[in-house]
Amino acid sequence: MKPPLRQLLREQLAPAHAWLETSPIVAALFDGDFDRLQYQRLLWGMKSGFCQIEQHLRSFQSDFEQAGLVDFATRNRKCERLDADLKQLRQMGEPALCLHSVPGFVTLRHFSAAAGALYVLEGSTQGARRIAPLLEKRLGADLPLTFYRGEGEATEEMWQTFCQWLDQAEIDPHEAVLAGMEVFVRLRQQLVRAETEAVECGRCVL
């Protein structure tokens, strides 16, 4: 009997997930050497990655909905939330940063690959919610945390609903795992770029 797809993805993607967390900016978050400028760089790195993934996933919206994921459209709001947090930081007087996104972030040619990528995005929502209290403790209660708080208490329920859908959908596990790995690799690249290339700008469009 084959293991549920969520179990397979969790096991196969665990090394890539751990590698993502070794990126300098994420390590700084957990080690304590982390300030609001670093936080803004972290948001930029996430934005450079997640916005491109969401753009690709939208081309599969009808496929997801036909396969039973009826709330697909409401799940893809990470880019919107990252934009909101970056905008609020500027309004609070933090220096604006600019980081140009690298085009062609990830190529999703098959529905199964899109499902693997969405698994990483959904899992990141779970992880982000656990990080939110740490960020608030380190950087203050007024810190914009729209992205990290996600759907609040509803986040866990949404995750379980997604996992149940994932286990029942007709998905090629090989394609899903490969796409998930690529997402982790590209996200780490964006986070490293944010650490080294994000610069202050007098005016930038988010």
C-alpha atoms as a PDB file:
ATOM      1  CA  MET A   1       0.000   0.000   0.000  1.00  0.00           C
ATOM      2  CA  LYS A   2       1.388   3.389  -1.032  1.00  0.00           C
ATOM      3  CA  PRO A   3       1.845   6.002   1.713  1.00  0.00           C
ATOM      4  CA  PRO A   4      -0.424   9.072   1.569  1.00  0.00           C
ATOM      5  CA  LEU A   5       0.977  11.751  -0.711  1.00  0.00           C
ATOM      6  CA  ARG A   6       1.319  14.243   2.145  1.00  0.00           C
ATOM      7  CA  GLN A   7       3.552  11.748   3.991  1.00  0.00           C
ATOM      8  CA  LEU A   8       5.647  11.132   0.896  1.00  0.00           C
ATOM      9  CA  LEU A   9       6.084  14.855   0.267  1.00  0.00           C
ATOM     10  CA  ARG A  10       6.959  15.539   3.893  1.00  0.00           C
ATOM     11  CA  GLU A  11       9.628  12.836   3.914  1.00  0.00           C
ATOM     12  CA  GLN A  12      11.087  13.554   0.482  1.00  0.00           C
ATOM     13  CA  LEU A  13      11.168  17.330   0.954  1.00  0.00           C
ATOM     14  CA  ALA A  14      12.524  17.352   4.525  1.00  0.00           C
ATOM     15  CA  PRO A  15      16.198  17.793   3.437  1.00  0.00           C
ATOM     16  CA  ALA A  16      15.284  20.668   1.116  1.00  0.00           C
ATOM     17  CA  HIS A  17      13.276  22.308   3.902  1.00  0.00           C
ATOM     18  CA  ALA A  18      16.223  21.997   6.300  1.00  0.00           C
ATOM     19  CA  TRP A  19      18.560  23.445   3.650  1.00  0.00           C
ATOM     20  CA  LEU A  20      16.272  26.452   3.208  1.00  0.00           C
ATOM     21  CA  GLU A  21      16.595  27.186   6.911  1.00  0.00           C
ATOM     22  CA  THR A  22      20.399  27.338   6.628  1.00  0.00           C
ATOM     23  CA  SER A  23      20.171  30.502   4.498  1.00  0.00           C
ATOM     24  CA  PRO A  24      21.946  33.315   6.413  1.00  0.00           C
ATOM     25  CA  ILE A  25      18.890  35.512   6.864  1.00  0.00           C
ATOM     26  CA  VAL A  26      16.786  32.680   8.312  1.00  0.00           C
ATOM     27  CA  ALA A  27      19.647  31.551  10.545  1.00  0.00           C
ATOM     28  CA  ALA A  28      19.941  35.128  11.844  1.00  0.00           C
ATOM     29  CA  LEU A  29      16.258  35.099  12.744  1.00  0.00           C
ATOM     30  CA  PHE A  30      16.643  32.053  14.958  1.00  0.00           C
ATOM     31  CA  ASP A  31      20.053  33.008  16.365  1.00  0.00           C
ATOM     32  CA  GLY A  32      18.847  36.375  17.646  1.00  0.00           C
ATOM     33  CA  ASP A  33      21.003  38.718  15.504  1.00  0.00           C
ATOM     34  CA  PHE A  34      17.985  40.103  13.683  1.00  0.00           C
ATOM     35  CA  ASP A  35      16.604  43.640  13.352  1.00  0.00           C
ATOM     36  CA  ARG A  36      13.870  45.380  11.370  1.00  0.00           C
ATOM     37  CA  LEU A  37      16.100  45.911   8.364  1.00  0.00           C
ATOM     38  CA  GLN A  38      16.782  42.187   8.324  1.00  0.00           C
ATOM     39  CA  TYR A  39      13.068  41.567   8.659  1.00  0.00           C
ATOM     40  CA  GLN A  40      12.420  43.723   5.618  1.00  0.00           C
ATOM     41  CA  ARG A  41      15.047  41.779   3.673  1.00  0.00           C
ATOM     42  CA  LEU A  42      13.349  38.550   4.730  1.00  0.00           C
ATOM     43  CA  LEU A  43       9.994  39.822   3.464  1.00  0.00           C
ATOM     44  CA  TRP A  44      11.588  40.854   0.167  1.00  0.00           C
ATOM     45  CA  GLY A  45      13.111  37.429  -0.306  1.00  0.00           C
ATOM     46  CA  MET A  46       9.778  35.765   0.379  1.00  0.00           C
ATOM     47  CA  LYS A  47       7.998  38.181  -1.946  1.00  0.00           C
ATOM     48  CA  SER A  48      10.479  37.559  -4.772  1.00  0.00           C
ATOM     49  CA  GLY A  49       9.699  33.870  -4.522  1.00  0.00           C
ATOM     50  CA  PHE A  50       6.083  33.523  -3.502  1.00  0.00           C
ATOM     51  CA  CYS A  51       4.682  36.077  -5.936  1.00  0.00           C
ATOM     52  CA  GLN A  52       6.144  34.193  -8.876  1.00  0.00           C
ATOM     53  CA  ILE A  53       4.915  30.840  -7.596  1.00  0.00           C
ATOM     54  CA  GLU A  54       1.409  32.195  -7.111  1.00  0.00           C
ATOM     55  CA  GLN A  55       1.443  33.633 -10.623  1.00  0.00           C
ATOM     56  CA  HIS A  56       2.301  30.209 -12.042  1.00  0.00           C
ATOM     57  CA  LEU A  57      -0.261  28.441  -9.880  1.00  0.00           C
ATOM     58  CA  ARG A  58      -3.067  30.700 -11.043  1.00  0.00           C
ATOM     59  CA  SER A  59      -2.783  29.179 -14.514  1.00  0.00           C
ATOM     60  CA  PHE A  60      -3.881  25.882 -12.925  1.00  0.00           C
ATOM     61  CA  GLN A  61      -6.842  27.326 -11.024  1.00  0.00           C
ATOM     62  CA  SER A  62      -9.479  25.520 -13.074  1.00  0.00           C
ATOM     63  CA  ASP A  63      -7.559  22.239 -12.721  1.00  0.00           C
ATOM     64  CA  PHE A  64      -7.442  22.585  -8.937  1.00  0.00           C
ATOM     65  CA  GLU A  65     -11.119  23.455  -8.725  1.00  0.00           C
ATOM     66  CA  GLN A  66     -12.130  20.578 -11.001  1.00  0.00           C
ATOM     67  CA  ALA A  67     -10.076  18.272  -8.773  1.00  0.00           C
ATOM     68  CA  GLY A  68     -12.058  19.449  -5.736  1.00  0.00           C
ATOM     69  CA  LEU A  69      -9.936  22.206  -4.178  1.00  0.00           C
ATOM     70  CA  VAL A  70     -12.810  24.671  -4.296  1.00  0.00           C
ATOM     71  CA  ASP A  71     -11.115  27.329  -2.136  1.00  0.00           C
ATOM     72  CA  PHE A  72      -7.980  27.452  -4.306  1.00  0.00           C
ATOM     73  CA  ALA A  73      -8.277  31.164  -5.097  1.00  0.00           C
ATOM     74  CA  THR A  74      -8.462  32.205  -1.433  1.00  0.00           C
ATOM     75  CA  ARG A  75      -5.334  30.231  -0.563  1.00  0.00           C
ATOM     76  CA  ASN A  76      -3.000  32.235  -2.798  1.00  0.00           C
ATOM     77  CA  ARG A  77      -2.683  35.457  -0.813  1.00  0.00           C
ATOM     78  CA  LYS A  78       0.950  35.412   0.267  1.00  0.00           C
ATOM     79  CA  CYS A  79       2.058  38.024  -2.247  1.00  0.00           C
ATOM     80  CA  GLU A  80      -0.785  40.322  -1.166  1.00  0.00           C
ATOM     81  CA  ARG A  81       0.165  39.960   2.502  1.00  0.00           C
ATOM     82  CA  LEU A  82       3.865  40.487   1.884  1.00  0.00           C
ATOM     83  CA  ASP A  83       3.083  43.661  -0.042  1.00  0.00           C
ATOM     84  CA  ALA A  84       0.928  44.890   2.845  1.00  0.00           C
ATOM     85  CA  ASP A  85       3.677  44.297   5.423  1.00  0.00           C
ATOM     86  CA  LEU A  86       6.353  45.984   3.308  1.00  0.00           C
ATOM     87  CA  LYS A  87       4.085  48.973   2.723  1.00  0.00           C
ATOM     88  CA  GLN A  88       3.331  49.300   6.432  1.00  0.00           C
ATOM     89  CA  LEU A  89       7.027  49.180   7.301  1.00  0.00           C
ATOM     90  CA  ARG A  90       7.630  52.116   4.942  1.00  0.00           C
ATOM     91  CA  GLN A  91       4.754  54.025   6.516  1.00  0.00           C
ATOM     92  CA  MET A  92       6.345  53.440   9.926  1.00  0.00           C
ATOM     93  CA  GLY A  93       9.518  55.165   8.722  1.00  0.00           C
ATOM     94  CA  GLU A  94      11.669  52.130   7.960  1.00  0.00           C
ATOM     95  CA  PRO A  95      14.018  52.654   4.983  1.00  0.00           C
ATOM     96  CA  ALA A  96      12.542  51.360   1.750  1.00  0.00           C
ATOM     97  CA  LEU A  97      14.405  48.508   0.101  1.00  0.00           C
ATOM     98  CA  CYS A  98      14.470  47.450  -3.529  1.00  0.00           C
ATOM     99  CA  LEU A  99      15.162  43.986  -4.883  1.00  0.00           C
ATOM    100  CA  HIS A 100      14.474  43.071  -8.472  1.00  0.00           C
ATOM    101  CA  SER A 101      12.875  39.680  -8.976  1.00  0.00           C
ATOM    102  CA  VAL A 102      14.576  37.192 -11.264  1.00  0.00           C
ATOM    103  CA  PRO A 103      12.083  36.115 -13.958  1.00  0.00           C
ATOM    104  CA  GLY A 104      11.235  32.497 -14.599  1.00  0.00           C
ATOM    105  CA  PHE A 105      11.261  31.536 -10.939  1.00  0.00           C
ATOM    106  CA  VAL A 106       9.783  28.109 -11.420  1.00  0.00           C
ATOM    107  CA  THR A 107       8.277  26.256 -14.348  1.00  0.00           C
ATOM    108  CA  LEU A 108       5.192  24.189 -13.627  1.00  0.00           C
ATOM    109  CA  ARG A 109       4.262  22.215 -16.710  1.00  0.00           C
ATOM    110  CA  HIS A 110       1.916  19.679 -15.136  1.00  0.00           C
ATOM    111  CA  PHE A 111      -0.935  19.744 -12.660  1.00  0.00           C
ATOM    112  CA  SER A 112       0.938  17.277 -10.426  1.00  0.00           C
ATOM    113  CA  ALA A 113       3.898  19.674 -10.322  1.00  0.00           C
ATOM    114  CA  ALA A 114       1.556  22.532  -9.429  1.00  0.00           C
ATOM    115  CA  ALA A 115       0.172  20.438  -6.568  1.00  0.00           C
ATOM    116  CA  GLY A 116       3.699  19.823  -5.263  1.00  0.00           C
ATOM    117  CA  ALA A 117       4.460  23.540  -5.377  1.00  0.00           C
ATOM    118  CA  LEU A 118       1.200  24.363  -3.621  1.00  0.00           C
ATOM    119  CA  TYR A 119       2.085  21.843  -0.895  1.00  0.00           C
ATOM    120  CA  VAL A 120       5.230  23.877  -0.118  1.00  0.00           C
ATOM    121  CA  LEU A 121       3.238  27.118  -0.031  1.00  0.00           C
ATOM    122  CA  GLU A 122       0.596  25.631   2.234  1.00  0.00           C
ATOM    123  CA  GLY A 123       3.230  24.206   4.549  1.00  0.00           C
ATOM    124  CA  SER A 124       4.995  27.564   4.709  1.00  0.00           C
ATOM    125  CA  THR A 125       1.798  29.108   6.056  1.00  0.00           C
ATOM    126  CA  GLN A 126       1.901  26.651   8.932  1.00  0.00           C
ATOM    127  CA  GLY A 127       5.545  27.398   9.661  1.00  0.00           C
ATOM    128  CA  ALA A 128       5.086  31.160   9.371  1.00  0.00           C
ATOM    129  CA  ARG A 129       2.353  31.174  11.985  1.00  0.00           C
ATOM    130  CA  ARG A 130       4.712  29.531  14.478  1.00  0.00           C
ATOM    131  CA  ILE A 131       7.418  32.124  13.756  1.00  0.00           C
ATOM    132  CA  ALA A 132       5.122  35.128  14.259  1.00  0.00           C
ATOM    133  CA  PRO A 133       5.387  35.170  18.110  1.00  0.00           C
ATOM    134  CA  LEU A 134       9.195  35.034  17.876  1.00  0.00           C
ATOM    135  CA  LEU A 135       9.265  38.001  15.490  1.00  0.00           C
ATOM    136  CA  GLU A 136       6.900  39.991  17.688  1.00  0.00           C
ATOM    137  CA  LYS A 137       9.021  39.289  20.763  1.00  0.00           C
ATOM    138  CA  ARG A 138      12.251  40.265  19.009  1.00  0.00           C
ATOM    139  CA  LEU A 139      11.073  43.304  17.045  1.00  0.00           C
ATOM    140  CA  GLY A 140       8.051  44.682  18.892  1.00  0.00           C
ATOM    141  CA  ALA A 141       4.277  44.357  19.079  1.00  0.00           C
ATOM    142  CA  ASP A 142       3.790  46.963  16.313  1.00  0.00           C
ATOM    143  CA  LEU A 143       5.642  44.850  13.749  1.00  0.00           C
ATOM    144  CA  PRO A 144       3.528  44.204  10.604  1.00  0.00           C
ATOM    145  CA  LEU A 145       2.893  40.458  10.595  1.00  0.00           C
ATOM    146  CA  THR A 146       0.102  40.004   8.060  1.00  0.00           C
ATOM    147  CA  PHE A 147       2.117  37.395   6.158  1.00  0.00           C
ATOM    148  CA  TYR A 148       3.326  35.487   9.213  1.00  0.00           C
ATOM    149  CA  ARG A 149      -0.058  35.352  10.925  1.00  0.00           C
ATOM    150  CA  GLY A 150      -1.795  33.997   7.829  1.00  0.00           C
ATOM    151  CA  GLU A 151      -5.397  33.017   8.475  1.00  0.00           C
ATOM    152  CA  GLY A 152      -4.925  32.993  12.231  1.00  0.00           C
ATOM    153  CA  GLU A 153      -6.743  30.203  14.022  1.00  0.00           C
ATOM    154  CA  ALA A 154      -8.240  28.991  10.736  1.00  0.00           C
ATOM    155  CA  THR A 155      -4.766  28.190   9.345  1.00  0.00           C
ATOM    156  CA  GLU A 156      -4.607  24.710  10.867  1.00  0.00           C
ATOM    157  CA  GLU A 157      -8.063  23.786   9.608  1.00  0.00           C
ATOM    158  CA  MET A 158      -7.167  24.979   6.104  1.00  0.00           C
ATOM    159  CA  TRP A 159      -3.987  22.892   6.201  1.00  0.00           C
ATOM    160  CA  GLN A 160      -5.845  19.744   7.194  1.00  0.00           C
ATOM    161  CA  THR A 161      -8.436  20.330   4.482  1.00  0.00           C
ATOM    162  CA  PHE A 162      -5.685  20.738   1.910  1.00  0.00           C
ATOM    163  CA  CYS A 163      -3.878  17.580   3.053  1.00  0.00           C
ATOM    164  CA  GLN A 164      -7.082  15.557   2.833  1.00  0.00           C
ATOM    165  CA  TRP A 165      -7.598  16.843  -0.695  1.00  0.00           C
ATOM    166  CA  LEU A 166      -3.980  16.056  -1.575  1.00  0.00           C
ATOM    167  CA  ASP A 167      -4.296  12.428  -0.468  1.00  0.00           C
ATOM    168  CA  GLN A 168      -7.391  11.904  -2.620  1.00  0.00           C
ATOM    169  CA  ALA A 169      -6.364  13.768  -5.796  1.00  0.00           C
ATOM    170  CA  GLU A 170      -4.951  11.998  -8.858  1.00  0.00           C
ATOM    171  CA  ILE A 171      -1.383  13.289  -8.701  1.00  0.00           C
ATOM    172  CA  ASP A 172       1.916  11.909  -9.996  1.00  0.00           C
ATOM    173  CA  PRO A 173       4.049  11.820  -6.817  1.00  0.00           C
ATOM    174  CA  HIS A 174       7.315  12.046  -8.777  1.00  0.00           C
ATOM    175  CA  GLU A 175       6.280  15.288 -10.468  1.00  0.00           C
ATOM    176  CA  ALA A 176       4.966  16.694  -7.173  1.00  0.00           C
ATOM    177  CA  VAL A 177       8.202  15.957  -5.296  1.00  0.00           C
ATOM    178  CA  LEU A 178      10.417  17.416  -8.027  1.00  0.00           C
ATOM    179  CA  ALA A 179       8.384  20.638  -8.121  1.00  0.00           C
ATOM    180  CA  GLY A 180       8.446  20.920  -4.340  1.00  0.00           C
ATOM    181  CA  MET A 181      12.220  20.574  -4.335  1.00  0.00           C
ATOM    182  CA  GLU A 182      12.568  23.238  -7.004  1.00  0.00           C
ATOM    183  CA  VAL A 183      10.425  25.631  -4.995  1.00  0.00           C
ATOM    184  CA  PHE A 184      12.645  25.178  -1.932  1.00  0.00           C
ATOM    185  CA  VAL A 185      15.809  25.685  -4.008  1.00  0.00           C
ATOM    186  CA  ARG A 186      14.454  28.834  -5.644  1.00  0.00           C
ATOM    187  CA  LEU A 187      13.177  30.238  -2.360  1.00  0.00           C
ATOM    188  CA  ARG A 188      16.611  29.828  -0.818  1.00  0.00           C
ATOM    189  CA  GLN A 189      18.183  31.583  -3.786  1.00  0.00           C
ATOM    190  CA  GLN A 190      15.798  34.502  -3.340  1.00  0.00           C
ATOM    191  CA  LEU A 191      16.517  34.721   0.396  1.00  0.00           C
ATOM    192  CA  VAL A 192      20.273  34.779  -0.225  1.00  0.00           C
ATOM    193  CA  ARG A 193      19.765  37.490  -2.854  1.00  0.00           C
ATOM    194  CA  ALA A 194      17.691  39.519  -0.406  1.00  0.00           C
ATOM    195  CA  GLU A 195      20.504  39.315   2.139  1.00  0.00           C
ATOM    196  CA  THR A 196      23.196  40.462  -0.299  1.00  0.00           C
ATOM    197  CA  GLU A 197      21.435  42.529  -2.987  1.00  0.00           C
ATOM    198  CA  ALA A 198      18.499  44.353  -1.403  1.00  0.00           C
ATOM    199  CA  VAL A 199      19.441  48.043  -1.283  1.00  0.00           C
ATOM    200  CA  GLU A 200      17.820  51.185   0.048  1.00  0.00           C
ATOM    201  CA  CYS A 201      16.037  53.234  -2.565  1.00  0.00           C
ATOM    202  CA  GLY A 202      14.408  56.626  -2.467  1.00  0.00           C
ATOM    203  CA  ARG A 203      11.392  55.344  -4.266  1.00  0.00           C
ATOM    204  CA  CYS A 204      10.455  51.814  -5.195  1.00  0.00           C
ATOM    205  CA  VAL A 205       7.310  50.164  -6.384  1.00  0.00           C
ATOM    206  CA  LEU A 206       6.293  47.008  -4.563  1.00  0.00           C
END
